[in-house]
C-alpha atoms as a PDB file:
ATOM      1  CA  MET A   1      79.772  99.075  49.518  1.00  0.00           C
ATOM      2  CA  GLY A   2      78.493  98.547  53.070  1.00  0.00           C
ATOM      3  CA  ALA A   3      81.652  96.597  54.012  1.00  0.00           C
ATOM      4  CA  LEU A   4      83.835  99.469  52.863  1.00  0.00           C
ATOM      5  CA  ARG A   5      81.814 102.122  54.652  1.00  0.00           C
ATOM      6  CA  GLY A   6      83.795 101.848  57.932  1.00  0.00           C
ATOM      7  CA  LYS A   7      87.129 102.212  56.136  1.00  0.00           C
ATOM      8  CA  LEU A   8      86.034 104.951  53.786  1.00  0.00           C
ATOM      9  CA  ASP A   9      83.862 106.881  56.185  1.00  0.00           C
ATOM     10  CA  ILE A  10      84.620 110.505  55.339  1.00  0.00           C
ATOM     11  CA  LEU A  11      83.026 111.664  58.589  1.00  0.00           C
ATOM     12  CA  ALA A  12      85.509 109.785  60.802  1.00  0.00           C
ATOM     13  CA  PRO A  13      88.024 112.679  61.027  1.00  0.00           C
ATOM     14  CA  THR A  14      85.178 115.087  61.805  1.00  0.00           C
ATOM     15  CA  ARG A  15      84.033 112.902  64.703  1.00  0.00           C
ATOM     16  CA  ASP A  16      87.558 113.052  66.188  1.00  0.00           C
ATOM     17  CA  ARG A  17      87.688 116.864  66.173  1.00  0.00           C
ATOM     18  CA  PRO A  18      85.803 117.393  69.455  1.00  0.00           C
ATOM     19  CA  GLN A  19      88.179 114.990  71.205  1.00  0.00           C
ATOM     20  CA  MET A  20      91.222 116.759  69.698  1.00  0.00           C
ATOM     21  CA  PHE A  21      89.838 120.138  70.760  1.00  0.00           C
ATOM     22  CA  SER A  22      89.250 118.784  74.249  1.00  0.00           C
ATOM     23  CA  THR A  23      92.815 117.432  74.418  1.00  0.00           C
ATOM     24  CA  LEU A  24      94.272 120.705  73.165  1.00  0.00           C
ATOM     25  CA  SER A  25      92.228 122.579  75.744  1.00  0.00           C
ATOM     26  CA  LEU A  26      93.583 120.330  78.503  1.00  0.00           C
ATOM     27  CA  VAL A  27      97.160 120.905  77.320  1.00  0.00           C
ATOM     28  CA  ALA A  28      96.564 124.669  77.229  1.00  0.00           C
ATOM     29  CA  VAL A  29      94.989 124.788  80.692  1.00  0.00           C
ATOM     30  CA  GLY A  30      97.722 122.534  82.069  1.00  0.00           C
ATOM     31  CA  GLY A  31     100.385 124.734  80.483  1.00  0.00           C
ATOM     32  CA  ALA A  32      98.863 127.821  82.088  1.00  0.00           C
ATOM     33  CA  ILE A  33      98.842 126.092  85.466  1.00  0.00           C
ATOM     34  CA  GLY A  34     102.434 124.889  85.071  1.00  0.00           C
ATOM     35  CA  ALA A  35     103.735 128.261  83.908  1.00  0.00           C
ATOM     36  CA  THR A  36     101.962 130.011  86.765  1.00  0.00           C
ATOM     37  CA  CYS A  37     103.494 127.571  89.244  1.00  0.00           C
ATOM     38  CA  ARG A  38     106.942 128.120  87.713  1.00  0.00           C
ATOM     39  CA  TYR A  39     106.544 131.879  88.051  1.00  0.00           C
ATOM     40  CA  LEU A  40     105.381 131.608  91.662  1.00  0.00           C
ATOM     41  CA  ALA A  41     108.207 129.187  92.499  1.00  0.00           C
ATOM     42  CA  GLY A  42     110.682 131.691  91.075  1.00  0.00           C
ATOM     43  CA  LEU A  43     109.210 134.507  93.138  1.00  0.00           C
ATOM     44  CA  GLY A  44     109.238 132.334  96.232  1.00  0.00           C
ATOM     45  CA  LEU A  45     112.886 131.412  95.789  1.00  0.00           C
ATOM     46  CA  ILE A  46     113.864 135.035  95.178  1.00  0.00           C
ATOM     47  CA  ARG A  47     112.086 136.027  98.384  1.00  0.00           C
ATOM     48  CA  LEU A  48     113.669 133.130 100.237  1.00  0.00           C
ATOM     49  CA  LEU A  49     117.220 133.434  98.900  1.00  0.00           C
ATOM     50  CA  GLY A  50     117.306 136.953  97.489  1.00  0.00           C
ATOM     51  CA  HIS A  51     118.463 137.799  93.970  1.00  0.00           C
ATOM     52  CA  HIS A  52     121.281 135.517  92.983  1.00  0.00           C
ATOM     53  CA  PRO A  53     123.399 135.496  89.822  1.00  0.00           C
ATOM     54  CA  PHE A  54     123.096 131.694  89.672  1.00  0.00           C
ATOM     55  CA  PRO A  55     119.710 130.582  88.196  1.00  0.00           C
ATOM     56  CA  VAL A  56     118.544 128.681  91.284  1.00  0.00           C
ATOM     57  CA  ALA A  57     114.831 129.003  90.466  1.00  0.00           C
ATOM     58  CA  VAL A  58     115.099 127.473  86.984  1.00  0.00           C
ATOM     59  CA  LEU A  59     117.365 124.728  88.299  1.00  0.00           C
ATOM     60  CA  SER A  60     114.902 123.994  91.116  1.00  0.00           C
ATOM     61  CA  VAL A  61     111.800 123.776  88.932  1.00  0.00           C
ATOM     62  CA  ASN A  62     113.587 121.530  86.437  1.00  0.00           C
ATOM     63  CA  ILE A  63     114.593 119.102  89.205  1.00  0.00           C
ATOM     64  CA  ILE A  64     111.153 119.184  90.858  1.00  0.00           C
ATOM     65  CA  GLY A  65     109.360 118.891  87.510  1.00  0.00           C
ATOM     66  CA  SER A  66     111.513 115.937  86.506  1.00  0.00           C
ATOM     67  CA  PHE A  67     110.774 114.219  89.814  1.00  0.00           C
ATOM     68  CA  LEU A  68     107.042 114.840  89.390  1.00  0.00           C
ATOM     69  CA  MET A  69     107.133 113.535  85.827  1.00  0.00           C
ATOM     70  CA  GLY A  70     108.783 110.330  87.036  1.00  0.00           C
ATOM     71  CA  MET A  71     106.124 109.955  89.707  1.00  0.00           C
ATOM     72  CA  PHE A  72     103.303 110.586  87.248  1.00  0.00           C
ATOM     73  CA  VAL A  73     104.574 108.140  84.613  1.00  0.00           C
ATOM     74  CA  VAL A  74     104.539 105.269  87.081  1.00  0.00           C
ATOM     75  CA  ALA A  75     101.359 106.313  88.893  1.00  0.00           C
ATOM     76  CA  ALA A  76      99.471 106.779  85.614  1.00  0.00           C
ATOM     77  CA  ALA A  77     100.566 103.373  84.335  1.00  0.00           C
ATOM     78  CA  HIS A  78      99.591 101.616  87.568  1.00  0.00           C
ATOM     79  CA  ARG A  79      96.300 103.465  88.033  1.00  0.00           C
ATOM     80  CA  GLY A  80      95.153 103.548  84.408  1.00  0.00           C
ATOM     81  CA  LEU A  81      95.508 107.325  84.251  1.00  0.00           C
ATOM     82  CA  THR A  82      97.575 107.612  81.082  1.00  0.00           C
ATOM     83  CA  TYR A  83      94.692 109.509  79.483  1.00  0.00           C
ATOM     84  CA  LEU A  84      95.720 112.419  81.752  1.00  0.00           C
ATOM     85  CA  SER A  85      99.176 112.611  80.137  1.00  0.00           C
ATOM     86  CA  PRO A  86      98.349 115.489  77.778  1.00  0.00           C
ATOM     87  CA  PHE A  87      97.122 117.576  80.716  1.00  0.00           C
ATOM     88  CA  VAL A  88      99.755 116.576  83.287  1.00  0.00           C
ATOM     89  CA  MET A  89     102.915 115.810  81.303  1.00  0.00           C
ATOM     90  CA  THR A  90     102.597 118.062  78.266  1.00  0.00           C
ATOM     91  CA  GLY A  91     100.564 120.798  79.935  1.00  0.00           C
ATOM     92  CA  VAL A  92     101.332 121.181  83.633  1.00  0.00           C
ATOM     93  CA  LEU A  93     104.852 119.759  83.728  1.00  0.00           C
ATOM     94  CA  GLY A  94     105.740 121.104  80.282  1.00  0.00           C
ATOM     95  CA  GLY A  95     104.687 124.558  81.437  1.00  0.00           C
ATOM     96  CA  PHE A  96     106.456 124.129  84.770  1.00  0.00           C
ATOM     97  CA  THR A  97     109.847 122.887  83.595  1.00  0.00           C
ATOM     98  CA  THR A  98     111.897 125.264  81.556  1.00  0.00           C
ATOM     99  CA  PHE A  99     114.465 123.891  79.155  1.00  0.00           C
ATOM    100  CA  SER A 100     114.230 126.965  76.995  1.00  0.00           C
ATOM    101  CA  ALA A 101     114.837 129.106  80.056  1.00  0.00           C
ATOM    102  CA  PHE A 102     117.698 126.748  80.937  1.00  0.00           C
ATOM    103  CA  SER A 103     119.301 127.468  77.583  1.00  0.00           C
ATOM    104  CA  LEU A 104     118.854 131.202  77.965  1.00  0.00           C
ATOM    105  CA  GLU A 105     120.325 131.199  81.487  1.00  0.00           C
ATOM    106  CA  THR A 106     123.312 129.175  80.270  1.00  0.00           C
ATOM    107  CA  VAL A 107     124.034 131.584  77.413  1.00  0.00           C
ATOM    108  CA  THR A 108     123.557 134.565  79.730  1.00  0.00           C
ATOM    109  CA  LEU A 109     126.154 133.180  82.137  1.00  0.00           C
ATOM    110  CA  ILE A 110     128.532 132.540  79.236  1.00  0.00           C
ATOM    111  CA  GLU A 111     128.016 136.058  77.885  1.00  0.00           C
ATOM    112  CA  ARG A 112     128.747 137.481  81.341  1.00  0.00           C
ATOM    113  CA  GLY A 113     132.042 135.621  81.265  1.00  0.00           C
ATOM    114  CA  ALA A 114     130.966 133.269  84.080  1.00  0.00           C
ATOM    115  CA  LEU A 115     132.104 130.148  82.218  1.00  0.00           C
ATOM    116  CA  GLY A 116     132.617 128.138  85.393  1.00  0.00           C
ATOM    117  CA  GLN A 117     129.113 128.934  86.622  1.00  0.00           C
ATOM    118  CA  ALA A 118     127.682 128.156  83.174  1.00  0.00           C
ATOM    119  CA  ALA A 119     129.396 124.759  83.128  1.00  0.00           C
ATOM    120  CA  LEU A 120     128.291 124.022  86.692  1.00  0.00           C
ATOM    121  CA  TYR A 121     124.736 125.058  85.849  1.00  0.00           C
ATOM    122  CA  VAL A 122     124.622 122.747  82.797  1.00  0.00           C
ATOM    123  CA  VAL A 123     126.055 119.783  84.701  1.00  0.00           C
ATOM    124  CA  LEU A 124     123.803 120.290  87.734  1.00  0.00           C
ATOM    125  CA  SER A 125     120.692 120.866  85.616  1.00  0.00           C
ATOM    126  CA  VAL A 126     121.161 117.760  83.511  1.00  0.00           C
ATOM    127  CA  CYS A 127     122.441 115.409  86.215  1.00  0.00           C
ATOM    128  CA  LEU A 128     120.058 116.477  88.968  1.00  0.00           C
ATOM    129  CA  SER A 129     117.031 116.582  86.644  1.00  0.00           C
ATOM    130  CA  VAL A 130     117.772 113.081  85.375  1.00  0.00           C
ATOM    131  CA  GLY A 131     118.410 112.063  88.984  1.00  0.00           C
ATOM    132  CA  GLY A 132     115.122 113.663  90.030  1.00  0.00           C
ATOM    133  CA  LEU A 133     113.279 111.680  87.357  1.00  0.00           C
ATOM    134  CA  MET A 134     114.970 108.451  88.490  1.00  0.00           C
ATOM    135  CA  LEU A 135     114.061 109.159  92.119  1.00  0.00           C
ATOM    136  CA  GLY A 136     110.485 109.861  91.079  1.00  0.00           C
ATOM    137  CA  LEU A 137     110.329 106.561  89.202  1.00  0.00           C
ATOM    138  CA  MET A 138     111.783 104.659  92.159  1.00  0.00           C
ATOM    139  CA  ALA A 139     109.494 106.390  94.668  1.00  0.00           C
ATOM    140  CA  ALA A 140     106.403 105.728  92.588  1.00  0.00           C
ATOM    141  CA  ARG A 141     107.419 102.129  91.930  1.00  0.00           C
ATOM    142  CA  GLY A 142     107.812 101.685  95.680  1.00  0.00           C
ATOM    143  CA  ILE A 143     104.329 103.088  96.248  1.00  0.00           C
ATOM    144  CA  PHE A 144     102.616 101.208  93.426  1.00  0.00           C
ATOM    145  CA  ALA A 145     104.599  97.956  93.522  1.00  0.00           C
END
């Protein structure tokens, strides 16, 4: 029975609960930070560029967030910081980047009849966000190589 105790230990899931709660708390705090930064970035761009029918703020945070995610992935792997991924990637960057907002802005442009702007927005968002991630990976690889 003693040999089976480790495999059948009913308390094992209970012991993991504090760690799960801690991880969920980090994701939540990171999400609040990321969402706050997204909101402030939007306000800053509106003040800088004025109100614009094209969703520049959402496009900007998606590109910047993708770049930062690329940087973090490489930096975390090289520095042994992958344990920060729930906080940084899921929380902060998940709260900062806005694919759901991207979808809403696209549909809004389509509903306004701005099909050309909607198509341009989709192409720029996808291509420049993927490009931002690639640049982040390359930049971080250059730093940590």
